[in-house]
Amino acid sequence: MSRIFDALQRSESECSGVDLSLLPTAIAVLKLAELRAISAHKDPMQSERPGETHTKEHGPAAAAGSQGLPRPSSPDDHLCAFAKFESLEISPPREDYLVCLTDSGGLAAEKFRFLGVRLRHLRRDRPLQKILITSTIPNEGKSVVAANLACTLARRRQQRTLLLEGDLRRPSLSQMLGLGKLQGICEWLHGDKSHATNIYHLERPGMWILPAGNPSDNPLEPLQSARLTALMDELTALFDWIIIDSPPVLPLADTSVWSRLADGILLVTRQGMTAKRQLQKGLDTLDNKKMIGALLNCAQSASHSDDYYYYRPSPVPSDGTEK
C-alpha cells in the first residue's frame, strides 16, 4: 500500500511541481484527492447517447494531437492544467444579470435551461462544442445571454464550461460578474506562453472564464494570429462547452474570426431595438451552415400565464450542480 501512495505522490509532484514529501501526509492526500475530483468531468449520460461524445473525437480537438498542438493527452495532464487556474468569487453589481443564479426558479432561468436542453439535443447529430453568441448591433443583450447560458450549462453535473470574452473592443463580462480587471486573451496572444493561461474558475456558478484582458489599439490584429487557433484547439480539449461572447456583427469584422472558429452561432435580437433591415444584413453576414437559431430578448409578447406550465426545480445540491 505504501508503494502505491509513493507512486501517486511522485506523480503528483511531477505534475504540479510541488514536492509533496515536504507536506504533511494528510495535506498531500487531500491535495491529490482534490485534483483527481476535478478530472472527473465526463458526463456519464453521454455514453448512453451516441452522438454527444463525437465532439471529443472529431474536429479541432482530435486534430490537435495529430498537428502537434498543445493538448492534454491523459487525465494527469488535465489535472495539471486545471490545478493552475485561479479560483475567484463573483460579485455582480446587479442581480438581474445572472438570473440563473439569483432567480433560478423564475421564468427567465427556466428559458435558459430549455435552451441548454436544445443545445444538448442538437449535438447528438452534429459537433457542437464552441457556441458563438453574437448580435447585429450593440445593446441587444448578447453578453447577458452568454453569461446565463454558460452558467446553465455548467450546472449540469460534470460538464466543464468555459465562458470566453471574445469582445476585445468593449469587453463587459468581467465587469458584469464583478471580477475587476484581469489579464486574459490579449495578454496571452501577445505573450510567449505555449499553453492556455489567464483562465479563472468562478466558484459559485461552477464555470470558468477567459477574460478579454486589456485591449490593444487594434483588437483585430491579435485575433488574426495563428496563436488564437492553437489556443482554441487546446481549450476544446479541456472543456465540454465553450461559450464565446463576440462583438456585434455590424459593422465590425471581429465576429467573422470567431465565426470561423465556432461550431455553431446563436444570434441575439432585442424587441423594440433590432430593425428588420439590420437583422437581415446580420444574417447575410453570418455563415448559414453554422447558424443554430436566434434568440428574442426582452420579448413583450410573452404571456405571464406561461409561468404555470414550467417546471420549478427542486433545490440544487450544496455543490451547486444538477444531475
Protein backbone atom coordinates (compact mmCIF):
# COMPACT_ATOMS: atom_id res chain seq x y z
CA MET A 1 0.00 0.00 0.00
CA SER A 2 2.84 2.35 0.80
CA ARG A 3 4.31 1.76 -2.66
CA ILE A 4 1.04 2.83 -4.28
CA PHE A 5 0.95 6.00 -2.20
CA ASP A 6 4.59 6.75 -3.01
CA ALA A 7 3.87 6.33 -6.71
CA LEU A 8 0.87 8.66 -6.51
CA GLN A 9 2.91 11.16 -4.55
CA ARG A 10 5.71 11.15 -7.10
CA SER A 11 3.21 11.51 -9.96
CA GLU A 12 1.53 14.49 -8.31
CA SER A 13 4.90 16.10 -7.53
CA GLU A 14 5.98 15.84 -11.17
CA CYS A 15 2.62 17.18 -12.35
CA SER A 16 2.25 20.15 -10.04
CA GLY A 17 5.92 20.95 -9.46
CA VAL A 18 5.34 20.78 -5.71
CA ASP A 19 7.38 18.39 -3.56
CA LEU A 20 4.58 16.73 -1.59
CA SER A 21 7.10 14.91 0.57
CA LEU A 22 7.68 18.21 2.32
CA LEU A 23 4.00 18.48 3.27
CA PRO A 24 2.18 16.56 5.98
CA THR A 25 0.78 13.29 4.67
CA ALA A 26 -2.84 14.30 5.26
CA ILE A 27 -2.45 17.51 3.24
CA ALA A 28 -0.79 15.60 0.42
CA VAL A 29 -3.62 13.10 0.27
CA LEU A 30 -6.25 15.85 0.29
CA LYS A 31 -4.44 17.73 -2.44
CA LEU A 32 -4.27 14.63 -4.61
CA ALA A 33 -7.93 13.80 -3.98
CA GLU A 34 -8.97 17.35 -4.89
CA LEU A 35 -7.12 17.24 -8.18
CA ARG A 36 -8.47 13.80 -9.01
CA ALA A 37 -12.00 15.03 -8.34
CA ILE A 38 -11.54 17.90 -10.76
CA SER A 39 -10.59 15.46 -13.52
CA ALA A 40 -13.86 13.52 -13.22
CA HIS A 41 -15.56 15.61 -15.87
CA LYS A 42 -17.12 13.15 -18.30
CA ASP A 43 -20.92 13.19 -18.34
CA PRO A 44 -21.99 9.59 -17.58
CA MET A 45 -25.19 10.11 -19.58
CA GLN A 46 -23.25 10.93 -22.74
CA SER A 47 -22.01 7.37 -23.10
CA GLU A 48 -25.64 6.27 -23.33
CA ARG A 49 -26.46 8.78 -26.07
CA PRO A 50 -24.47 8.11 -29.25
CA GLY A 51 -23.55 11.31 -31.00
CA GLU A 52 -22.99 13.56 -27.99
CA THR A 53 -19.47 12.26 -27.46
CA HIS A 54 -18.34 12.69 -31.05
CA THR A 55 -17.36 16.30 -30.41
CA LYS A 56 -14.48 14.92 -28.38
CA GLU A 57 -13.45 12.53 -31.15
CA HIS A 58 -13.64 14.70 -34.28
CA GLY A 59 -12.87 18.22 -35.38
CA PRO A 60 -10.19 20.55 -33.97
CA ALA A 61 -9.95 18.76 -30.63
CA ALA A 62 -8.94 15.46 -32.20
CA ALA A 63 -6.81 17.16 -34.84
CA ALA A 64 -4.83 19.00 -32.21
CA GLY A 65 -2.85 15.91 -31.27
CA SER A 66 -2.01 15.00 -34.87
CA GLN A 67 -0.92 18.54 -35.70
CA GLY A 68 1.43 18.86 -32.76
CA LEU A 69 -0.69 21.45 -30.95
CA PRO A 70 -0.66 21.52 -27.13
CA ARG A 71 -3.39 19.17 -25.97
CA PRO A 72 -3.80 17.26 -22.71
CA SER A 73 -3.46 13.56 -23.57
CA SER A 74 -4.27 11.97 -20.22
CA PRO A 75 -6.22 12.66 -17.01
CA ASP A 76 -2.97 13.70 -15.33
CA ASP A 77 -2.43 16.38 -17.99
CA HIS A 78 -5.95 17.66 -17.33
CA LEU A 79 -5.13 17.78 -13.62
CA CYS A 80 -2.04 19.87 -14.24
CA ALA A 81 -3.94 22.33 -16.44
CA PHE A 82 -6.91 22.88 -14.13
CA ALA A 83 -4.81 22.96 -10.96
CA LYS A 84 -3.11 26.12 -12.26
CA PHE A 85 -6.34 28.06 -12.78
CA GLU A 86 -7.08 30.56 -10.02
CA SER A 87 -10.49 30.44 -8.30
CA LEU A 88 -12.50 33.65 -7.89
CA GLU A 89 -15.75 34.71 -6.27
CA ILE A 90 -18.20 36.65 -8.40
CA SER A 91 -19.99 39.74 -7.14
CA PRO A 92 -22.29 41.05 -9.90
CA PRO A 93 -23.34 44.68 -9.31
CA ARG A 94 -26.87 43.87 -10.48
CA GLU A 95 -28.81 40.74 -9.56
CA ASP A 96 -30.70 40.68 -12.85
CA TYR A 97 -27.51 39.97 -14.79
CA LEU A 98 -27.26 36.33 -13.72
CA VAL A 99 -30.87 35.22 -13.30
CA CYS A 100 -29.74 31.60 -13.41
CA LEU A 101 -28.15 32.18 -10.00
CA THR A 102 -30.20 34.94 -8.42
CA ASP A 103 -33.64 33.76 -9.59
CA SER A 104 -33.18 30.10 -10.50
CA GLY A 105 -36.90 29.43 -10.03
CA GLY A 106 -38.02 32.23 -12.33
CA LEU A 107 -39.28 32.04 -15.88
CA ALA A 108 -36.13 33.59 -17.39
CA ALA A 109 -33.90 30.98 -15.76
CA GLU A 110 -36.23 28.25 -16.99
CA LYS A 111 -35.92 29.56 -20.55
CA PHE A 112 -32.14 29.30 -20.31
CA ARG A 113 -32.45 25.74 -19.01
CA PHE A 114 -34.66 24.95 -22.01
CA LEU A 115 -32.04 26.49 -24.31
CA GLY A 116 -29.39 24.28 -22.72
CA VAL A 117 -31.53 21.20 -23.35
CA ARG A 118 -31.97 22.18 -27.00
CA LEU A 119 -28.23 22.59 -27.45
CA ARG A 120 -27.54 19.17 -25.92
CA HIS A 121 -30.11 17.66 -28.29
CA LEU A 122 -28.56 19.39 -31.29
CA ARG A 123 -25.13 17.99 -30.66
CA ARG A 124 -26.44 14.46 -30.82
CA ASP A 125 -26.36 14.89 -34.59
CA ARG A 126 -23.51 17.34 -35.14
CA PRO A 127 -20.29 18.59 -33.49
CA LEU A 128 -21.42 21.42 -31.23
CA GLN A 129 -18.98 22.45 -28.55
CA LYS A 130 -17.96 26.04 -29.30
CA ILE A 131 -21.06 28.27 -29.34
CA LEU A 132 -20.75 31.82 -30.63
CA ILE A 133 -23.18 34.33 -29.09
CA THR A 134 -23.50 37.49 -31.15
CA SER A 135 -25.99 40.18 -32.21
CA THR A 136 -26.43 42.55 -35.10
CA ILE A 137 -25.89 45.80 -33.16
CA PRO A 138 -24.77 46.72 -29.62
CA ASN A 139 -27.07 46.69 -26.57
CA GLU A 140 -29.17 43.71 -27.62
CA GLY A 141 -28.16 41.68 -24.56
CA LYS A 142 -25.75 39.14 -26.07
CA SER A 143 -23.31 39.28 -23.13
CA VAL A 144 -26.09 38.66 -20.59
CA VAL A 145 -27.31 35.74 -22.69
CA ALA A 146 -23.79 34.31 -22.98
CA ALA A 147 -23.20 34.52 -19.21
CA ASN A 148 -26.53 32.91 -18.31
CA LEU A 149 -26.19 30.18 -20.91
CA ALA A 150 -22.69 29.31 -19.67
CA CYS A 151 -23.96 29.28 -16.10
CA THR A 152 -26.84 26.98 -17.09
CA LEU A 153 -24.60 24.51 -18.94
CA ALA A 154 -22.14 24.47 -16.04
CA ARG A 155 -24.84 23.39 -13.61
CA ARG A 156 -25.15 20.10 -15.47
CA ARG A 157 -23.14 17.66 -13.38
CA GLN A 158 -19.59 17.11 -14.59
CA GLN A 159 -19.83 19.46 -17.59
CA ARG A 160 -16.83 21.76 -17.80
CA THR A 161 -17.98 25.06 -19.28
CA LEU A 162 -15.78 27.98 -20.33
CA LEU A 163 -17.14 31.50 -20.86
CA LEU A 164 -14.83 33.23 -23.33
CA GLU A 165 -14.90 37.02 -23.55
CA GLY A 166 -14.30 37.46 -27.27
CA ASP A 167 -15.33 41.11 -27.50
CA LEU A 168 -11.87 42.69 -27.31
CA ARG A 169 -13.12 46.18 -28.19
CA ARG A 170 -15.78 46.65 -25.50
CA PRO A 171 -15.48 43.76 -23.03
CA SER A 172 -18.25 43.71 -20.46
CA LEU A 173 -18.37 40.22 -18.93
CA SER A 174 -15.70 40.81 -16.29
CA GLN A 175 -17.47 43.95 -15.11
CA MET A 176 -20.85 42.22 -15.26
CA LEU A 177 -19.58 39.47 -12.96
CA GLY A 178 -17.81 41.91 -10.64
CA LEU A 179 -14.36 40.47 -11.34
CA GLY A 180 -12.49 43.72 -11.93
CA LYS A 181 -9.61 43.99 -14.38
CA LEU A 182 -7.99 40.66 -15.17
CA GLN A 183 -5.42 39.54 -17.70
CA GLY A 184 -6.91 37.48 -20.49
CA ILE A 185 -6.80 36.70 -24.20
CA CYS A 186 -4.99 39.88 -25.22
CA GLU A 187 -2.08 39.25 -22.84
CA TRP A 188 -1.82 35.61 -23.93
CA LEU A 189 -1.83 36.41 -27.65
CA HIS A 190 0.93 39.00 -27.14
CA GLY A 191 2.93 36.73 -24.81
CA ASP A 192 5.17 33.76 -25.40
CA LYS A 193 3.45 31.05 -23.33
CA SER A 194 2.56 27.91 -25.25
CA HIS A 195 -0.28 26.69 -23.02
CA ALA A 196 -3.52 28.40 -22.09
CA THR A 197 -3.28 30.80 -19.16
CA ASN A 198 -5.36 33.61 -17.65
CA ILE A 199 -8.30 31.27 -17.12
CA TYR A 200 -10.21 31.66 -13.85
CA HIS A 201 -12.60 29.31 -12.08
CA LEU A 202 -15.76 31.01 -10.84
CA GLU A 203 -16.72 29.12 -7.73
CA ARG A 204 -20.41 29.93 -7.34
CA PRO A 205 -21.61 29.18 -10.88
CA GLY A 206 -19.02 26.41 -11.18
CA MET A 207 -17.71 27.52 -14.55
CA TRP A 208 -14.50 29.00 -15.93
CA ILE A 209 -13.91 32.32 -17.68
CA LEU A 210 -11.22 33.54 -20.06
CA PRO A 211 -11.48 37.37 -19.97
CA ALA A 212 -10.61 39.67 -22.83
CA GLY A 213 -7.88 41.38 -20.83
CA ASN A 214 -6.55 44.81 -21.71
CA PRO A 215 -7.46 45.56 -25.33
CA SER A 216 -4.80 46.81 -27.72
CA ASP A 217 -5.09 49.74 -30.12
CA ASN A 218 -6.00 47.33 -32.91
CA PRO A 219 -8.05 44.45 -31.44
CA LEU A 220 -8.49 42.77 -34.82
CA GLU A 221 -4.75 42.20 -35.23
CA PRO A 222 -4.28 39.69 -32.37
CA LEU A 223 -7.45 37.87 -33.44
CA GLN A 224 -5.85 37.17 -36.81
CA SER A 225 -2.87 35.49 -35.17
CA ALA A 226 -2.32 31.76 -35.69
CA ARG A 227 -1.87 31.54 -31.91
CA LEU A 228 -5.61 32.04 -31.49
CA THR A 229 -6.33 28.84 -33.45
CA ALA A 230 -3.86 26.92 -31.31
CA LEU A 231 -5.44 28.35 -28.16
CA MET A 232 -8.94 27.30 -29.24
CA ASP A 233 -7.71 23.78 -30.03
CA GLU A 234 -6.29 23.46 -26.53
CA LEU A 235 -9.45 24.85 -24.93
CA THR A 236 -11.57 22.44 -26.96
CA ALA A 237 -9.62 19.55 -25.46
CA LEU A 238 -10.10 20.87 -21.93
CA PHE A 239 -13.76 21.90 -21.86
CA ASP A 240 -17.08 20.30 -22.74
CA TRP A 241 -18.67 23.63 -23.67
CA ILE A 242 -17.09 26.91 -24.80
CA ILE A 243 -19.46 29.90 -24.93
CA ILE A 244 -17.93 32.77 -26.92
CA ASP A 245 -19.27 36.28 -26.36
CA SER A 246 -18.30 38.09 -29.56
CA PRO A 247 -18.76 41.68 -30.76
CA PRO A 248 -21.88 42.59 -32.77
CA VAL A 249 -21.86 41.60 -36.41
CA LEU A 250 -22.35 45.16 -37.68
CA PRO A 251 -20.17 46.93 -38.62
CA LEU A 252 -17.09 45.03 -37.30
CA ALA A 253 -15.07 42.20 -38.82
CA ASP A 254 -14.12 40.65 -35.47
CA THR A 255 -17.11 38.32 -35.43
CA SER A 256 -16.04 36.72 -38.71
CA VAL A 257 -12.88 35.48 -36.96
CA TRP A 258 -14.82 33.91 -34.10
CA SER A 259 -17.40 32.54 -36.54
CA ARG A 260 -14.69 30.62 -38.33
CA LEU A 261 -13.56 29.02 -35.06
CA ALA A 262 -17.04 28.25 -33.70
CA ASP A 263 -19.18 25.16 -34.25
CA GLY A 264 -22.50 26.98 -34.01
CA ILE A 265 -23.83 30.55 -33.91
CA LEU A 266 -26.69 31.89 -31.82
CA LEU A 267 -27.93 35.34 -32.85
CA VAL A 268 -29.46 37.56 -30.16
CA THR A 269 -32.05 40.16 -31.14
CA ARG A 270 -34.00 42.58 -28.97
CA GLN A 271 -37.60 43.55 -29.39
CA GLY A 272 -38.06 47.25 -29.99
CA MET A 273 -34.38 47.76 -30.88
CA THR A 274 -33.35 45.45 -33.71
CA ALA A 275 -34.54 46.78 -37.05
CA LYS A 276 -35.60 44.31 -39.73
CA ARG A 277 -33.07 45.72 -42.17
CA GLN A 278 -30.24 45.34 -39.68
CA LEU A 279 -31.30 41.83 -38.79
CA GLN A 280 -31.36 40.76 -42.41
CA LYS A 281 -27.94 42.27 -43.03
CA GLY A 282 -26.57 40.49 -39.98
CA LEU A 283 -27.97 37.15 -41.14
CA ASP A 284 -26.45 37.69 -44.58
CA THR A 285 -23.05 38.28 -42.95
CA LEU A 286 -23.05 35.09 -40.85
CA ASP A 287 -22.35 31.56 -42.06
CA ASN A 288 -25.77 29.98 -42.56
CA LYS A 289 -24.35 26.48 -42.15
CA LYS A 290 -23.31 27.32 -38.58
CA MET A 291 -26.49 29.15 -37.57
CA ILE A 292 -28.33 27.19 -34.89
CA GLY A 293 -31.00 29.76 -34.11
CA ALA A 294 -31.96 33.22 -32.96
CA LEU A 295 -33.00 34.40 -29.51
CA LEU A 296 -35.52 37.19 -29.00
CA ASN A 297 -34.53 39.19 -25.94
CA CYS A 298 -36.96 41.32 -23.89
CA ALA A 299 -40.00 39.89 -25.68
CA GLN A 300 -43.06 41.86 -24.56
CA SER A 301 -45.49 39.37 -26.09
CA ALA A 302 -44.56 36.56 -23.69
CA SER A 303 -47.57 35.58 -21.64
CA HIS A 304 -47.19 35.62 -17.88
CA SER A 305 -49.55 32.64 -17.77
CA ASP A 306 -46.67 30.55 -19.12
CA ASP A 307 -45.36 30.61 -15.57
CA TYR A 308 -47.91 27.90 -14.71
CA TYR A 309 -46.52 25.41 -17.20
CA TYR A 310 -42.81 25.42 -16.49
CA TYR A 311 -41.13 23.12 -14.06
CA ARG A 312 -39.86 24.58 -10.82
CA PRO A 313 -36.73 22.60 -9.96
CA SER A 314 -36.08 21.27 -6.50
CA PRO A 315 -33.20 22.87 -4.57
CA VAL A 316 -29.86 22.00 -6.14
CA PRO A 317 -27.24 20.10 -4.13
CA SER A 318 -24.85 22.00 -1.94
CA ASP A 319 -22.14 21.72 -4.60
CA GLY A 320 -24.34 23.77 -6.98
CA THR A 321 -24.56 21.08 -9.68
CA GLU A 322 -27.51 19.43 -11.33
CA LYS A 323 -27.85 15.83 -12.32
